[in-house]
Amino acid sequence: MKKISIVIPVYNEIATIGRIVEEVKKVDVGLEKEIIIVDDASSDGTKEFLLNLNDKNIKVLFHEKNKGKTDCIKTALKEVRGDIIIIQDADLEYLPSKNYKILLEPILEGWADVVYGSRFLGVHRVFYFWHYFANKFLTTLVNIFYDTMLSDMETGAKAFKSEVLKNMNFTSKRFGFEVEVTAKVFKKGYRVYEVLIYYCGRDYKQGKKIKPLDGIKAIFYILKYRFFD
């Protein structure tokens, strides 16, 4: 039987971390499951919650300084033992019970090496036009430079055969992971499928962290990984 590794990067998510841990624990995908949480130097009580999380089936790792999503995933990959990896954000925008089986099916059926869950194909909360516009702009750039046809490059719902991520050397910072992994997946010729998912987007009052500057950095990374890496 295959084993799935759920990697959860987390930074200042005290309002949601308890529920997301419970949601990931209880979701049944018919596979052995390990959960790896990487706390990115949280200062809102998330770290203390995780320090007191007494569960032998969950491995919790801690950064002493805030480094960003890419470094959280790099830290987690050192501990991953599963055949398939799902990246799970620590907020409640991507619900495990709704999305995991959808993400896993193309890999388990042997069609795909990587699966992207598109927020724009599936059921989603409707708001933030400029976020939508920026995402579509960045995704279009990726499609042009890597000759592909994604609808949602920046999605936080992605599944990978574990060797895909373990064979990559990540160098981006902060939220650059989404662009870097996408660029390297297509440059290496992995089979990518896109599926519809449920997306419960949150607003800034609820803790949304991505900023306009991250979009500018994403353009830089799209060009960097296409022509210089």
Protein backbone atom coordinates (compact mmCIF):
# COMPACT_ATOMS: atom_id res chain seq x y z
CA MET A 1 0.00 0.00 0.00
CA LYS A 2 1.21 3.49 -0.85
CA LYS A 3 1.82 6.04 1.87
CA ILE A 4 0.84 9.69 1.72
CA SER A 5 2.71 12.53 3.42
CA ILE A 6 0.76 15.67 4.31
CA VAL A 7 3.12 18.64 4.65
CA ILE A 8 1.70 21.65 6.52
CA PRO A 9 3.73 24.89 6.57
CA VAL A 10 2.36 27.20 9.24
CA TYR A 11 2.96 30.77 10.35
CA ASN A 12 0.70 32.62 12.80
CA GLU A 13 -2.44 30.55 12.28
CA ILE A 14 -3.65 30.14 15.85
CA ALA A 15 -7.27 30.66 14.75
CA THR A 16 -7.20 27.68 12.38
CA ILE A 17 -4.32 25.36 13.24
CA GLY A 18 -6.32 23.20 15.65
CA ARG A 19 -9.12 22.60 13.18
CA ILE A 20 -6.86 21.97 10.19
CA VAL A 21 -4.90 19.38 12.17
CA GLU A 22 -8.14 17.61 13.07
CA GLU A 23 -9.41 17.83 9.49
CA VAL A 24 -6.20 16.28 8.12
CA LYS A 25 -6.20 13.56 10.78
CA LYS A 26 -9.75 12.43 10.12
CA VAL A 27 -9.81 12.53 6.32
CA ASP A 28 -9.85 9.00 4.91
CA VAL A 29 -8.11 8.50 1.58
CA GLY A 30 -7.57 4.76 1.87
CA LEU A 31 -3.81 5.14 2.34
CA GLU A 32 -1.39 5.09 5.25
CA LYS A 33 -0.83 8.71 6.22
CA GLU A 34 1.88 10.77 7.91
CA ILE A 35 1.54 14.42 8.90
CA ILE A 36 4.51 16.77 9.01
CA ILE A 37 4.00 20.30 10.33
CA VAL A 38 6.67 23.00 10.05
CA ASP A 39 6.15 26.07 12.21
CA ASP A 40 7.85 29.10 10.68
CA ALA A 41 8.65 30.96 13.93
CA SER A 42 5.03 31.83 14.77
CA SER A 43 4.49 34.50 17.42
CA ASP A 44 0.71 34.38 17.94
CA GLY A 45 0.43 31.22 20.05
CA THR A 46 0.64 28.74 17.15
CA LYS A 47 4.08 27.57 18.24
CA GLU A 48 2.89 26.95 21.80
CA PHE A 49 -0.14 25.04 20.51
CA LEU A 50 2.12 22.80 18.44
CA LEU A 51 4.58 22.29 21.30
CA ASN A 52 1.69 20.86 23.30
CA LEU A 53 0.37 18.73 20.45
CA ASN A 54 0.79 15.25 21.85
CA ASP A 55 0.21 12.99 18.88
CA LYS A 56 2.66 10.26 17.91
CA ASN A 57 1.35 10.31 14.32
CA ILE A 58 2.28 13.94 13.79
CA LYS A 59 5.83 15.21 13.42
CA VAL A 60 6.26 18.89 14.27
CA LEU A 61 9.37 20.83 13.27
CA PHE A 62 10.24 24.40 14.23
CA HIS A 63 12.14 27.25 12.58
CA GLU A 64 13.87 29.67 14.94
CA LYS A 65 13.46 32.48 12.40
CA ASN A 66 10.69 33.19 9.90
CA LYS A 67 11.88 31.96 6.50
CA GLY A 68 8.79 31.52 4.34
CA LYS A 69 6.91 28.70 2.64
CA THR A 70 9.75 27.42 0.46
CA ASP A 71 12.01 26.83 3.45
CA CYS A 72 9.21 25.15 5.37
CA ILE A 73 8.78 22.66 2.55
CA LYS A 74 12.55 22.10 2.32
CA THR A 75 12.62 21.33 6.04
CA ALA A 76 9.69 18.93 5.75
CA LEU A 77 11.14 17.07 2.76
CA LYS A 78 14.01 15.84 4.92
CA GLU A 79 11.47 13.91 7.00
CA VAL A 80 9.04 12.76 4.30
CA ARG A 81 8.68 8.97 4.01
CA GLY A 82 5.56 8.81 1.85
CA ASP A 83 5.18 7.91 -1.83
CA ILE A 84 2.91 10.89 -2.47
CA ILE A 85 3.08 14.38 -0.98
CA ILE A 86 0.21 16.82 -0.54
CA ILE A 87 1.04 20.40 0.46
CA GLN A 88 -1.66 21.62 2.86
CA ASP A 89 -1.90 25.28 3.88
CA ALA A 90 -2.63 25.77 7.57
CA ASP A 91 -5.66 27.99 7.01
CA LEU A 92 -9.07 26.64 6.02
CA GLU A 93 -9.05 27.72 2.37
CA TYR A 94 -8.41 24.17 1.12
CA LEU A 95 -10.52 21.55 2.88
CA PRO A 96 -8.95 18.08 3.10
CA SER A 97 -12.27 16.25 3.16
CA LYS A 98 -13.33 17.89 -0.09
CA ASN A 99 -10.06 17.85 -2.01
CA TYR A 100 -7.66 15.03 -1.14
CA LYS A 101 -9.30 12.22 -3.07
CA ILE A 102 -9.69 14.51 -6.09
CA LEU A 103 -5.99 15.45 -5.96
CA LEU A 104 -4.78 11.89 -5.47
CA GLU A 105 -6.79 10.10 -8.14
CA PRO A 106 -4.68 11.00 -11.22
CA ILE A 107 -1.50 9.89 -9.43
CA LEU A 108 -2.99 6.67 -8.02
CA GLU A 109 -4.47 5.81 -11.42
CA GLY A 110 -1.04 6.23 -13.03
CA TRP A 111 -1.84 9.21 -15.23
CA ALA A 112 0.09 11.94 -13.43
CA ASP A 113 3.28 12.77 -11.57
CA VAL A 114 1.91 16.09 -10.32
CA VAL A 115 -1.66 17.33 -9.77
CA TYR A 116 -2.79 20.95 -9.43
CA GLY A 117 -6.16 21.74 -7.85
CA SER A 118 -7.61 24.70 -9.70
CA ARG A 119 -9.63 27.21 -7.68
CA PHE A 120 -11.18 28.56 -10.87
CA LEU A 121 -12.52 25.28 -12.24
CA GLY A 122 -14.19 24.13 -9.04
CA VAL A 123 -16.46 25.45 -6.29
CA HIS A 124 -15.01 28.65 -4.84
CA ARG A 125 -15.83 31.74 -2.84
CA VAL A 126 -16.35 34.74 -5.13
CA PHE A 127 -14.35 37.85 -4.20
CA TYR A 128 -11.12 39.89 -4.75
CA PHE A 129 -11.09 40.67 -8.49
CA TRP A 130 -7.53 42.03 -8.37
CA HIS A 131 -6.22 38.83 -6.79
CA TYR A 132 -7.97 36.90 -9.55
CA PHE A 133 -6.53 39.23 -12.20
CA ALA A 134 -2.99 38.98 -10.79
CA ASN A 135 -3.22 35.20 -10.59
CA LYS A 136 -4.46 34.96 -14.18
CA PHE A 137 -1.68 37.29 -15.34
CA LEU A 138 1.02 35.23 -13.62
CA THR A 139 -0.49 31.96 -14.80
CA THR A 140 -0.60 33.30 -18.38
CA LEU A 141 3.09 34.22 -18.17
CA VAL A 142 3.88 30.68 -17.03
CA ASN A 143 1.80 29.26 -19.89
CA ILE A 144 3.65 31.43 -22.43
CA PHE A 145 7.16 30.77 -21.17
CA TYR A 146 6.70 27.06 -20.43
CA ASP A 147 4.28 26.23 -23.27
CA THR A 148 1.53 24.85 -21.10
CA MET A 149 -2.14 25.47 -20.27
CA LEU A 150 -2.63 25.78 -16.51
CA SER A 151 -5.61 27.70 -15.18
CA ASP A 152 -4.24 28.28 -11.64
CA MET A 153 -0.49 28.23 -11.13
CA GLU A 154 -0.63 29.80 -7.64
CA THR A 155 -3.02 27.25 -6.15
CA GLY A 156 -2.12 26.00 -2.69
CA ALA A 157 -3.61 22.57 -3.45
CA LYS A 158 -0.93 20.46 -5.09
CA ALA A 159 -0.01 16.76 -4.96
CA PHE A 160 3.27 15.21 -6.10
CA LYS A 161 4.92 11.86 -6.37
CA SER A 162 7.50 12.27 -3.63
CA GLU A 163 10.48 11.79 -5.95
CA VAL A 164 9.39 14.87 -7.92
CA LEU A 165 10.00 17.20 -4.97
CA LYS A 166 12.94 15.28 -3.53
CA ASN A 167 14.81 15.61 -6.84
CA MET A 168 14.56 19.40 -6.83
CA ASN A 169 16.86 21.96 -5.27
CA PHE A 170 14.68 24.87 -4.19
CA THR A 171 16.28 28.32 -4.04
CA SER A 172 13.30 30.73 -3.97
CA LYS A 173 12.15 32.60 -0.88
CA ARG A 174 8.82 33.26 0.83
CA PHE A 175 5.90 32.53 -1.51
CA GLY A 176 8.24 31.84 -4.44
CA PHE A 177 7.65 28.12 -4.03
CA GLU A 178 4.57 28.03 -6.26
CA VAL A 179 6.42 29.55 -9.23
CA GLU A 180 9.63 27.64 -8.69
CA VAL A 181 8.04 24.22 -8.38
CA THR A 182 5.83 24.90 -11.41
CA ALA A 183 8.79 26.00 -13.52
CA LYS A 184 10.88 22.98 -12.57
CA VAL A 185 8.02 20.52 -13.00
CA PHE A 186 7.48 21.62 -16.60
CA LYS A 187 11.18 21.97 -17.45
CA LYS A 188 11.76 18.41 -16.27
CA GLY A 189 8.84 17.11 -18.31
CA TYR A 190 6.71 15.65 -15.53
CA ARG A 191 3.12 14.69 -16.34
CA VAL A 192 0.84 17.36 -14.85
CA TYR A 193 -2.93 17.11 -14.42
CA GLU A 194 -5.31 19.79 -13.22
CA VAL A 195 -8.49 19.00 -11.27
CA LEU A 196 -11.35 21.04 -9.88
CA ILE A 197 -11.37 21.61 -6.13
CA TYR A 198 -13.35 23.33 -3.39
CA TYR A 199 -11.81 26.66 -2.38
CA CYS A 200 -13.02 28.63 0.65
CA GLY A 201 -11.01 31.83 0.22
CA ARG A 202 -10.45 34.10 3.20
CA ASP A 203 -9.91 37.84 3.42
CA TYR A 204 -7.18 39.88 5.11
CA LYS A 205 -9.21 40.25 8.30
CA GLN A 206 -9.18 36.46 8.52
CA GLY A 207 -5.41 36.33 8.12
CA LYS A 208 -4.66 36.24 4.39
CA LYS A 209 -0.95 36.98 4.01
CA ILE A 210 -0.01 37.28 0.34
CA LYS A 211 0.74 40.89 -0.72
CA PRO A 212 1.17 42.80 -4.04
CA LEU A 213 4.95 42.62 -3.62
CA ASP A 214 4.70 38.82 -3.80
CA GLY A 215 3.20 39.18 -7.28
CA ILE A 216 6.16 41.27 -8.43
CA LYS A 217 8.56 38.69 -7.03
CA ALA A 218 6.61 35.98 -8.85
CA ILE A 219 7.31 37.67 -12.21
CA PHE A 220 11.01 37.70 -11.35
CA TYR A 221 10.93 33.99 -10.49
CA ILE A 222 9.04 33.09 -13.68
CA LEU A 223 11.81 34.66 -15.76
CA LYS A 224 14.65 33.43 -13.54
CA TYR A 225 13.68 29.77 -13.63
CA ARG A 226 12.90 29.85 -17.33
CA PHE A 227 16.17 31.37 -18.51
CA PHE A 228 18.77 31.22 -15.72
CA ASP A 229 18.18 28.10 -13.63
